[in-house]
PDB file of N, CA and C in Angstrom:
ATOM      1  N   GLY A   1      48.320 126.273 167.911  1.00  0.00           N
ATOM      2  CA  GLY A   1      50.185 127.096 167.847  1.00  0.00           C
ATOM      3  C   GLY A   1      51.200 126.312 167.960  1.00  0.00           C
ATOM      4  N   ILE A   2      50.977 125.606 168.513  1.00  0.00           N
ATOM      5  CA  ILE A   2      52.502 124.243 168.947  1.00  0.00           C
ATOM      6  C   ILE A   2      52.237 123.854 167.520  1.00  0.00           C
ATOM      7  N   GLU A   3      51.525 123.271 167.037  1.00  0.00           N
ATOM      8  CA  GLU A   3      51.069 122.348 165.979  1.00  0.00           C
ATOM      9  C   GLU A   3      51.629 122.832 164.827  1.00  0.00           C
ATOM     10  N   LEU A   4      51.002 124.266 164.653  1.00  0.00           N
ATOM     11  CA  LEU A   4      51.343 124.792 163.407  1.00  0.00           C
ATOM     12  C   LEU A   4      52.653 125.343 163.262  1.00  0.00           C
ATOM     13  N   GLU A   5      53.424 125.463 164.620  1.00  0.00           N
ATOM     14  CA  GLU A   5      54.409 126.540 164.233  1.00  0.00           C
ATOM     15  C   GLU A   5      55.738 125.025 163.718  1.00  0.00           C
ATOM     16  N   LYS A   6      55.232 123.717 164.190  1.00  0.00           N
ATOM     17  CA  LYS A   6      56.158 122.737 163.814  1.00  0.00           C
ATOM     18  C   LYS A   6      55.873 122.220 163.040  1.00  0.00           C
ATOM     19  N   ASP A   7      54.608 122.619 162.583  1.00  0.00           N
ATOM     20  CA  ASP A   7      54.438 122.469 160.863  1.00  0.00           C
ATOM     21  C   ASP A   7      54.945 123.219 159.460  1.00  0.00           C
ATOM     22  N   ASN A   8      55.034 124.511 160.409  1.00  0.00           N
ATOM     23  CA  ASN A   8      55.771 125.502 159.471  1.00  0.00           C
ATOM     24  C   ASN A   8      57.367 125.780 159.620  1.00  0.00           C
ATOM     25  N   GLN A   9      57.635 124.759 160.277  1.00  0.00           N
ATOM     26  CA  GLN A   9      58.703 124.774 160.289  1.00  0.00           C
ATOM     27  C   GLN A   9      59.442 123.264 159.526  1.00  0.00           C
ATOM     28  N   TRP A  10      58.630 122.428 159.534  1.00  0.00           N
ATOM     29  CA  TRP A  10      58.946 121.117 158.629  1.00  0.00           C
ATOM     30  C   TRP A  10      58.638 121.409 157.838  1.00  0.00           C
ATOM     31  N   ARG A  11      57.823 122.390 156.768  1.00  0.00           N
ATOM     32  CA  ARG A  11      57.618 123.164 155.873  1.00  0.00           C
ATOM     33  C   ARG A  11      59.245 123.665 155.621  1.00  0.00           C
ATOM     34  N   SER A  12      59.376 124.621 156.052  1.00  0.00           N
ATOM     35  CA  SER A  12      60.610 125.862 155.684  1.00  0.00           C
ATOM     36  C   SER A  12      62.235 124.668 155.320  1.00  0.00           C
ATOM     37  N   MET A  13      61.555 123.818 156.065  1.00  0.00           N
ATOM     38  CA  MET A  13      62.594 122.553 155.398  1.00  0.00           C
ATOM     39  C   MET A  13      62.987 121.779 154.333  1.00  0.00           C
ATOM     40  N   SER A  14      62.046 121.606 154.108  1.00  0.00           N
ATOM     41  CA  SER A  14      61.879 121.040 152.773  1.00  0.00           C
ATOM     42  C   SER A  14      62.434 122.025 151.783  1.00  0.00           C
ATOM     43  N   VAL A  15      61.298 122.973 151.626  1.00  0.00           N
ATOM     44  CA  VAL A  15      61.314 124.371 150.723  1.00  0.00           C
ATOM     45  C   VAL A  15      63.440 123.986 150.277  1.00  0.00           C
ATOM     46  N   PRO A  16      64.138 123.693 150.755  1.00  0.00           N
ATOM     47  CA  PRO A  16      65.257 124.183 150.285  1.00  0.00           C
ATOM     48  C   PRO A  16      65.160 122.594 149.429  1.00  0.00           C
ATOM     49  N   THR A  17      64.370 121.218 149.714  1.00  0.00           N
ATOM     50  CA  THR A  17      64.922 120.182 148.516  1.00  0.00           C
ATOM     51  C   THR A  17      63.705 120.622 147.665  1.00  0.00           C
ATOM     52  N   LEU A  18      62.793 121.446 147.712  1.00  0.00           N
ATOM     53  CA  LEU A  18      62.235 121.558 146.543  1.00  0.00           C
ATOM     54  C   LEU A  18      62.654 122.409 145.568  1.00  0.00           C
ATOM     55  N   TYR A  19      63.348 122.958 145.668  1.00  0.00           N
ATOM     56  CA  TYR A  19      64.678 124.129 144.934  1.00  0.00           C
ATOM     57  C   TYR A  19      65.378 123.144 144.235  1.00  0.00           C
ATOM     58  N   GLU A  20      65.802 122.175 144.949  1.00  0.00           N
ATOM     59  CA  GLU A  20      67.313 121.532 144.510  1.00  0.00           C
ATOM     60  C   GLU A  20      66.164 120.324 142.916  1.00  0.00           C
ATOM     61  N   ALA A  21      64.738 120.323 143.660  1.00  0.00           N
ATOM     62  CA  ALA A  21      64.553 119.204 142.327  1.00  0.00           C
ATOM     63  C   ALA A  21      64.299 119.972 141.141  1.00  0.00           C
ATOM     64  N   LYS A  22      63.608 121.236 141.483  1.00  0.00           N
ATOM     65  CA  LYS A  22      63.304 122.273 140.158  1.00  0.00           C
ATOM     66  C   LYS A  22      64.614 122.586 139.424  1.00  0.00           C
ATOM     67  N   ARG A  23      66.007 122.569 139.880  1.00  0.00           N
ATOM     68  CA  ARG A  23      67.186 122.882 139.815  1.00  0.00           C
ATOM     69  C   ARG A  23      67.300 122.237 138.528  1.00  0.00           C
ATOM     70  N   GLU A  24      67.345 120.840 139.219  1.00  0.00           N
ATOM     71  CA  GLU A  24      67.677 119.243 139.144  1.00  0.00           C
ATOM     72  C   GLU A  24      66.789 119.013 137.505  1.00  0.00           C
ATOM     73  N   ASN A  25      65.474 119.722 137.832  1.00  0.00           N
ATOM     74  CA  ASN A  25      64.343 119.173 136.561  1.00  0.00           C
ATOM     75  C   ASN A  25      64.793 120.116 135.577  1.00  0.00           C
ATOM     76  N   ILE A  26      65.693 121.829 135.944  1.00  0.00           N
ATOM     77  CA  ILE A  26      65.387 122.780 134.417  1.00  0.00           C
ATOM     78  C   ILE A  26      67.003 122.141 134.090  1.00  0.00           C
ATOM     79  N   GLN A  27      67.408 121.208 135.025  1.00  0.00           N
ATOM     80  CA  GLN A  27      69.519 121.219 133.990  1.00  0.00           C
ATOM     81  C   GLN A  27      69.238 119.808 133.038  1.00  0.00           C
ATOM     82  N   LEU A  28      67.712 118.973 133.909  1.00  0.00           N
ATOM     83  CA  LEU A  28      68.129 117.580 132.700  1.00  0.00           C
ATOM     84  C   LEU A  28      67.111 117.927 131.499  1.00  0.00           C
ATOM     85  N   GLN A  29      66.308 119.600 131.451  1.00  0.00           N
ATOM     86  CA  GLN A  29      65.403 119.663 130.304  1.00  0.00           C
ATOM     87  C   GLN A  29      66.679 120.684 129.527  1.00  0.00           C
ATOM     88  N   LEU A  30      67.450 121.252 129.876  1.00  0.00           N
ATOM     89  CA  LEU A  30      68.716 122.292 129.277  1.00  0.00           C
ATOM     90  C   LEU A  30      69.059 120.663 128.834  1.00  0.00           C
ATOM     91  N   GLU A  31      69.478 120.014 129.223  1.00  0.00           N
ATOM     92  CA  GLU A  31      70.501 118.978 128.954  1.00  0.00           C
ATOM     93  C   GLU A  31      69.746 117.756 127.546  1.00  0.00           C
ATOM     94  N   ALA A  32      69.094 117.933 127.786  1.00  0.00           N
ATOM     95  CA  ALA A  32      67.593 117.100 126.839  1.00  0.00           C
ATOM     96  C   ALA A  32      67.645 117.903 125.141  1.00  0.00           C
ATOM     97  N   GLU A  33      67.246 119.482 125.147  1.00  0.00           N
ATOM     98  CA  GLU A  33      67.639 120.714 124.824  1.00  0.00           C
ATOM     99  C   GLU A  33      68.732 120.113 123.670  1.00  0.00           C
ATOM    100  N   TYR A  34      69.804 120.280 124.862  1.00  0.00           N
ATOM    101  CA  TYR A  34      71.201 120.381 123.793  1.00  0.00           C
ATOM    102  C   TYR A  34      71.933 118.665 122.827  1.00  0.00           C
ATOM    103  N   ARG A  35      71.065 118.237 123.856  1.00  0.00           N
ATOM    104  CA  ARG A  35      71.341 116.574 123.065  1.00  0.00           C
ATOM    105  C   ARG A  35      70.830 117.037 121.079  1.00  0.00           C
ATOM    106  N   GLU A  36      69.004 116.871 121.844  1.00  0.00           N
ATOM    107  CA  GLU A  36      68.134 117.214 120.460  1.00  0.00           C
ATOM    108  C   GLU A  36      69.221 118.448 119.293  1.00  0.00           C
ATOM    109  N   ARG A  37      69.362 119.509 120.206  1.00  0.00           N
ATOM    110  CA  ARG A  37      70.408 120.361 118.760  1.00  0.00           C
ATOM    111  C   ARG A  37      71.704 119.461 118.326  1.00  0.00           C
ATOM    112  N   MET A  38      72.610 119.640 119.072  1.00  0.00           N
ATOM    113  CA  MET A  38      73.676 118.453 118.221  1.00  0.00           C
ATOM    114  C   MET A  38      73.201 117.403 117.693  1.00  0.00           C
ATOM    115  N   ALA A  39      72.024 116.042 117.757  1.00  0.00           N
ATOM    116  CA  ALA A  39      71.583 115.467 116.731  1.00  0.00           C
ATOM    117  C   ALA A  39      71.264 115.750 115.826  1.00  0.00           C
ATOM    118  N   ARG A  40      70.288 117.184 115.662  1.00  0.00           N
ATOM    119  CA  ARG A  40      69.867 117.718 114.578  1.00  0.00           C
ATOM    120  C   ARG A  40      71.655 118.703 113.652  1.00  0.00           C
ATOM    121  N   VAL A  41      72.591 119.058 114.738  1.00  0.00           N
ATOM    122  CA  VAL A  41      73.712 119.549 114.059  1.00  0.00           C
ATOM    123  C   VAL A  41      73.991 118.717 113.124  1.00  0.00           C
ATOM    124  N   HIS A  42      74.411 117.253 114.040  1.00  0.00           N
ATOM    125  CA  HIS A  42      74.901 116.173 113.074  1.00  0.00           C
ATOM    126  C   HIS A  42      74.224 115.593 112.563  1.00  0.00           C
ATOM    127  N   THR A  43      72.978 115.503 111.882  1.00  0.00           N
ATOM    128  CA  THR A  43      72.156 115.375 110.692  1.00  0.00           C
ATOM    129  C   THR A  43      72.464 116.509 109.569  1.00  0.00           C
ATOM    130  N   GLU A  44      72.110 117.408 109.676  1.00  0.00           N
ATOM    131  CA  GLU A  44      72.546 118.845 108.899  1.00  0.00           C
ATOM    132  C   GLU A  44      73.886 118.136 108.425  1.00  0.00           C
ATOM    133  N   VAL A  45      74.928 118.126 109.121  1.00  0.00           N
ATOM    134  CA  VAL A  45      76.124 118.155 108.402  1.00  0.00           C
ATOM    135  C   VAL A  45      76.500 117.109 107.555  1.00  0.00           C
ATOM    136  N   LYS A  46      75.901 115.869 108.151  1.00  0.00           N
ATOM    137  CA  LYS A  46      75.981 114.736 107.414  1.00  0.00           C
ATOM    138  C   LYS A  46      75.424 115.375 106.026  1.00  0.00           C
ATOM    139  N   GLN A  47      74.025 115.584 106.157  1.00  0.00           N
ATOM    140  CA  GLN A  47      73.175 116.123 104.765  1.00  0.00           C
ATOM    141  C   GLN A  47      74.086 116.856 103.713  1.00  0.00           C
ATOM    142  N   ARG A  48      74.787 117.622 104.556  1.00  0.00           N
ATOM    143  CA  ARG A  48      75.457 118.457 103.378  1.00  0.00           C
ATOM    144  C   ARG A  48      77.074 117.311 102.792  1.00  0.00           C
ATOM    145  N   LEU A  49      77.446 116.841 103.894  1.00  0.00           N
ATOM    146  CA  LEU A  49      78.756 116.196 103.219  1.00  0.00           C
ATOM    147  C   LEU A  49      78.105 115.275 102.411  1.00  0.00           C
ATOM    148  N   ASP A  50      77.327 114.088 102.873  1.00  0.00           N
ATOM    149  CA  ASP A  50      77.031 113.667 101.279  1.00  0.00           C
ATOM    150  C   ASP A  50      76.550 114.096 100.534  1.00  0.00           C
ATOM    151  N   TYR A  51      75.949 115.267 100.041  1.00  0.00           N
ATOM    152  CA  TYR A  51      75.530 115.835  99.348  1.00  0.00           C
ATOM    153  C   TYR A  51      76.879 116.315  98.432  1.00  0.00           C
ATOM    154  N   GLN A  52      77.395 116.881  99.119  1.00  0.00           N
ATOM    155  CA  GLN A  52      78.961 117.325  98.792  1.00  0.00           C
ATOM    156  C   GLN A  52      79.971 116.027  97.719  1.00  0.00           C
ATOM    157  N   LEU A  53      79.683 114.702  98.864  1.00  0.00           N
ATOM    158  CA  LEU A  53      80.631 114.166  97.988  1.00  0.00           C
ATOM    159  C   LEU A  53      79.371 113.068  97.035  1.00  0.00           C
ATOM    160  N   GLU A  54      78.191 113.008  96.937  1.00  0.00           N
ATOM    161  CA  GLU A  54      77.717 112.689  95.796  1.00  0.00           C
ATOM    162  C   GLU A  54      77.973 113.986  94.415  1.00  0.00           C
ATOM    163  N   THR A  55      77.877 115.286  94.651  1.00  0.00           N
ATOM    164  CA  THR A  55      78.238 116.521  93.857  1.00  0.00           C
ATOM    165  C   THR A  55      79.789 115.680  93.170  1.00  0.00           C
ATOM    166  N   ASP A  56      80.509 115.690  94.266  1.00  0.00           N
ATOM    167  CA  ASP A  56      81.808 115.203  93.749  1.00  0.00           C
ATOM    168  C   ASP A  56      81.904 113.666  92.326  1.00  0.00           C
ATOM    169  N   ASN A  57      81.025 112.870  93.304  1.00  0.00           N
ATOM    170  CA  ASN A  57      80.907 111.698  92.400  1.00  0.00           C
ATOM    171  C   ASN A  57      80.742 111.872  90.813  1.00  0.00           C
ATOM    172  N   VAL A  58      79.194 112.959  90.861  1.00  0.00           N
ATOM    173  CA  VAL A  58      78.867 112.958  89.255  1.00  0.00           C
ATOM    174  C   VAL A  58      80.010 114.249  88.434  1.00  0.00           C
ATOM    175  N   LYS A  59      81.004 115.149  89.347  1.00  0.00           N
ATOM    176  CA  LYS A  59      81.504 115.822  88.444  1.00  0.00           C
ATOM    177  C   LYS A  59      82.707 114.748  87.689  1.00  0.00           C
ATOM    178  N   THR A  60      83.098 113.231  88.490  1.00  0.00           N
ATOM    179  CA  THR A  60      84.258 112.689  88.332  1.00  0.00           C
ATOM    180  C   THR A  60      83.663 111.866  87.059  1.00  0.00           C
ATOM    181  N   ARG A  61      82.256 111.137  87.148  1.00  0.00           N
ATOM    182  CA  ARG A  61      81.949 110.313  86.187  1.00  0.00           C
ATOM    183  C   ARG A  61      81.662 111.157  85.290  1.00  0.00           C
ATOM    184  N   LEU A  62      81.412 112.161  85.317  1.00  0.00           N
ATOM    185  CA  LEU A  62      81.332 113.114  83.983  1.00  0.00           C
ATOM    186  C   LEU A  62      82.734 113.454  83.481  1.00  0.00           C
ATOM    187  N   GLU A  63      83.553 113.775  83.947  1.00  0.00           N
ATOM    188  CA  GLU A  63      84.769 113.783  83.505  1.00  0.00           C
ATOM    189  C   GLU A  63      85.282 112.691  82.886  1.00  0.00           C
ATOM    190  N   GLN A  64      84.768 111.559  83.240  1.00  0.00           N
ATOM    191  CA  GLN A  64      85.752 110.221  82.896  1.00  0.00           C
ATOM    192  C   GLN A  64      84.989 109.890  81.254  1.00  0.00           C
ATOM    193  N   LYS A  65      83.588 110.387  81.421  1.00  0.00           N
ATOM    194  CA  LYS A  65      83.232 110.183  80.564  1.00  0.00           C
ATOM    195  C   LYS A  65      83.132 110.827  78.799  1.00  0.00           C
ATOM    196  N   HIS A  66      83.310 112.475  79.511  1.00  0.00           N
ATOM    197  CA  HIS A  66      83.922 113.012  78.676  1.00  0.00           C
ATOM    198  C   HIS A  66      85.205 112.508  77.983  1.00  0.00           C
ATOM    199  N   MET A  67      86.138 112.114  78.988  1.00  0.00           N
ATOM    200  CA  MET A  67      87.519 111.987  78.694  1.00  0.00           C
ATOM    201  C   MET A  67      87.036 110.844  77.728  1.00  0.00           C
ATOM    202  N   VAL A  68      86.811 109.375  77.437  1.00  0.00           N
ATOM    203  CA  VAL A  68      86.449 107.973  77.447  1.00  0.00           C
ATOM    204  C   VAL A  68      85.523 108.253  75.812  1.00  0.00           C
ATOM    205  N   ASN A  69      85.381 109.255  75.915  1.00  0.00           N
ATOM    206  CA  ASN A  69      84.208 110.186  74.106  1.00  0.00           C
ATOM    207  C   ASN A  69      85.259 110.800  73.520  1.00  0.00           C
ATOM    208  N   TRP A  70      85.957 111.421  74.231  1.00  0.00           N
ATOM    209  CA  TRP A  70      86.874 112.483  73.699  1.00  0.00           C
ATOM    210  C   TRP A  70      88.502 111.615  72.531  1.00  0.00           C
ATOM    211  N   ILE A  71      88.930 110.486  73.792  1.00  0.00           N
ATOM    212  CA  ILE A  71      89.582 109.376  73.097  1.00  0.00           C
ATOM    213  C   ILE A  71      88.842 108.445  71.857  1.00  0.00           C
ATOM    214  N   VAL A  72      87.711 107.849  72.515  1.00  0.00           N
ATOM    215  CA  VAL A  72      86.892 107.040  70.755  1.00  0.00           C
ATOM    216  C   VAL A  72      87.267 107.700  69.588  1.00  0.00           C
ATOM    217  N   GLU A  73      86.484 109.193  69.678  1.00  0.00           N
ATOM    218  CA  GLU A  73      86.211 109.535  68.848  1.00  0.00           C
ATOM    219  C   GLU A  73      87.806 109.999  68.477  1.00  0.00           C
ATOM    220  N   ASN A  74      88.995 110.420  69.285  1.00  0.00           N
ATOM    221  CA  ASN A  74      89.950 110.510  67.971  1.00  0.00           C
ATOM    222  C   ASN A  74      90.956 109.917  67.129  1.00  0.00           C
ATOM    223  N   VAL A  75      90.429 108.587  67.903  1.00  0.00           N
ATOM    224  CA  VAL A  75      91.316 107.233  67.458  1.00  0.00           C
ATOM    225  C   VAL A  75      90.189 107.054  66.874  1.00  0.00           C
ATOM    226  N   ARG A  76      88.874 106.959  66.385  1.00  0.00           N
ATOM    227  CA  ARG A  76      88.467 106.701  65.499  1.00  0.00           C
ATOM    228  C   ARG A  76      88.546 107.962  63.763  1.00  0.00           C
ATOM    229  N   LYS A  77      88.796 108.856  64.237  1.00  0.00           N
ATOM    230  CA  LYS A  77      89.352 109.621  63.699  1.00  0.00           C
ATOM    231  C   LYS A  77      90.791 109.697  63.079  1.00  0.00           C
ATOM    232  N   SER A  78      91.390 108.285  63.138  1.00  0.00           N
ATOM    233  CA  SER A  78      92.831 108.520  63.070  1.00  0.00           C
ATOM    234  C   SER A  78      92.691 107.341  62.387  1.00  0.00           C
ATOM    235  N   ILE A  79      92.072 106.550  62.345  1.00  0.00           N
ATOM    236  CA  ILE A  79      92.132 105.187  61.426  1.00  0.00           C
ATOM    237  C   ILE A  79      91.338 105.704  60.185  1.00  0.00           C
ATOM    238  N   THR A  80      91.881 105.230  59.322  1.00  0.00           N
ATOM    239  CA  THR A  80      91.750 105.711  57.785  1.00  0.00           C
ATOM    240  C   THR A  80      91.008 104.115  57.245  1.00  0.00           C
ATOM    241  N   PRO A  81      90.247 104.389  56.001  1.00  0.00           N
ATOM    242  CA  PRO A  81      89.392 103.739  56.103  1.00  0.00           C
ATOM    243  C   PRO A  81      90.078 102.253  55.258  1.00  0.00           C
ATOM    244  N   THR A  82      91.197 103.185  54.525  1.00  0.00           N
ATOM    245  CA  THR A  82      92.563 101.655  53.942  1.00  0.00           C
ATOM    246  C   THR A  82      92.759 101.031  55.143  1.00  0.00           C
ATOM    247  N   GLN A  83      92.660 101.497  56.275  1.00  0.00           N
ATOM    248  CA  GLN A  83      93.276 100.617  57.493  1.00  0.00           C
ATOM    249  C   GLN A  83      92.184 100.110  57.908  1.00  0.00           C
ATOM    250  N   GLU A  84      90.812 100.499  57.973  1.00  0.00           N
ATOM    251  CA  GLU A  84      89.978 100.141  58.826  1.00  0.00           C
ATOM    252  C   GLU A  84      89.498  98.220  57.156  1.00  0.00           C
ATOM    253  N   THR A  85      89.711  98.577  56.490  1.00  0.00           N
ATOM    254  CA  THR A  85      89.439  97.507  55.429  1.00  0.00           C
ATOM    255  C   THR A  85      90.849  96.184  55.965  1.00  0.00           C
ATOM    256  N   ALA A  86      91.571  96.787  56.215  1.00  0.00           N
ATOM    257  CA  ALA A  86      92.737  95.573  56.484  1.00  0.00           C
ATOM    258  C   ALA A  86      92.551  95.442  57.621  1.00  0.00           C
ATOM    259  N   ALA A  87      92.266  95.830  58.328  1.00  0.00           N
ATOM    260  CA  ALA A  87      91.986  95.431  59.534  1.00  0.00           C
ATOM    261  C   ALA A  87      90.516  93.963  60.027  1.00  0.00           C
ATOM    262  N   LEU A  88      89.631  94.575  59.032  1.00  0.00           N
ATOM    263  CA  LEU A  88      88.227  93.452  58.815  1.00  0.00           C
ATOM    264  C   LEU A  88      89.029  92.160  58.053  1.00  0.00           C
ATOM    265  N   LYS A  89      89.610  92.529  57.353  1.00  0.00           N
ATOM    266  CA  LYS A  89      90.180  91.853  56.295  1.00  0.00           C
ATOM    267  C   LYS A  89      91.313  90.530  56.881  1.00  0.00           C
ATOM    268  N   LYS A  90      91.525  91.188  57.965  1.00  0.00           N
ATOM    269  CA  LYS A  90      92.511  90.169  59.129  1.00  0.00           C
ATOM    270  C   LYS A  90      91.897  89.309  59.684  1.00  0.00           C
ATOM    271  N   CYS A  91      90.723  89.905  60.367  1.00  0.00           N
ATOM    272  CA  CYS A  91      90.252  89.608  61.309  1.00  0.00           C
ATOM    273  C   CYS A  91      89.158  88.243  60.511  1.00  0.00           C
ATOM    274  N   LEU A  92      88.668  88.339  59.715  1.00  0.00           N
ATOM    275  CA  LEU A  92      87.786  87.761  58.585  1.00  0.00           C
ATOM    276  C   LEU A  92      89.149  85.957  58.444  1.00  0.00           C
ATOM    277  N   SER A  93      90.220  86.612  57.903  1.00  0.00           N
ATOM    278  CA  SER A  93      91.239  85.311  57.264  1.00  0.00           C
ATOM    279  C   SER A  93      91.656  84.975  58.711  1.00  0.00           C
ATOM    280  N   ASP A  94      91.611  85.915  59.859  1.00  0.00           N
ATOM    281  CA  ASP A  94      91.409  84.959  61.374  1.00  0.00           C
ATOM    282  C   ASP A  94      90.252  83.861  61.593  1.00  0.00           C
ATOM    283  N   LEU A  95      89.472  84.579  61.749  1.00  0.00           N
ATOM    284  CA  LEU A  95      88.151  83.528  61.839  1.00  0.00           C
ATOM    285  C   LEU A  95      88.187  82.345  61.042  1.00  0.00           C
ATOM    286  N   LYS A  96      88.459  82.038  59.712  1.00  0.00           N
ATOM    287  CA  LYS A  96      88.206  81.401  58.930  1.00  0.00           C
ATOM    288  C   LYS A  96      89.681  79.831  59.201  1.00  0.00           C
ATOM    289  N   ALA A  97      90.653  81.046  59.596  1.00  0.00           N
ATOM    290  CA  ALA A  97      91.869  80.185  60.345  1.00  0.00           C
ATOM    291  C   ALA A  97      90.839  79.046  61.487  1.00  0.00           C
ATOM    292  N   LEU A  98      90.812  80.199  62.813  1.00  0.00           N
ATOM    293  CA  LEU A  98      89.818  78.729  63.458  1.00  0.00           C
ATOM    294  C   LEU A  98      88.873  78.090  63.417  1.00  0.00           C
ATOM    295  N   SER A  99      87.910  78.341  62.235  1.00  0.00           N
ATOM    296  CA  SER A  99      87.050  77.898  62.101  1.00  0.00           C
ATOM    297  C   SER A  99      87.483  76.122  61.833  1.00  0.00           C
ATOM    298  N   VAL A 100      88.739  76.943  60.111  1.00  0.00           N
ATOM    299  CA  VAL A 100      89.275  75.269  60.066  1.00  0.00           C
ATOM    300  C   VAL A 100      90.306  74.343  60.690  1.00  0.00           C
ATOM    301  N   ALA A 101      91.044  75.027  61.810  1.00  0.00           N
ATOM    302  CA  ALA A 101      91.326  74.533  62.537  1.00  0.00           C
ATOM    303  C   ALA A 101      90.520  73.664  63.634  1.00  0.00           C
ATOM    304  N   ARG A 102      89.685  73.572  63.933  1.00  0.00           N
ATOM    305  CA  ARG A 102      88.225  72.926  64.094  1.00  0.00           C
ATOM    306  C   ARG A 102      88.089  71.291  63.605  1.00  0.00           C
TER     307      ARG A 102
END
């Protein structure tokens, strides 16, 4: 009887410790889940920002390419056949002068 009562008292004293340990375990699990979700959010946001950056980069490259093509096309249109012939003759005479100078 007395031993049984002492055993019951000892067990009842350890119940709060057991509950505290269980609460702590649950808190640790909740924190682990929270951190995992935060890491997932970070990864998703980074992927979306990287996608947006790449989209902007492609748009900028296409705009630059289009602008360069437009400028080159308009410059070519503005050069008359006479100007082109004169420029070629000038280049050839410059090359001949350079070869003679050596």
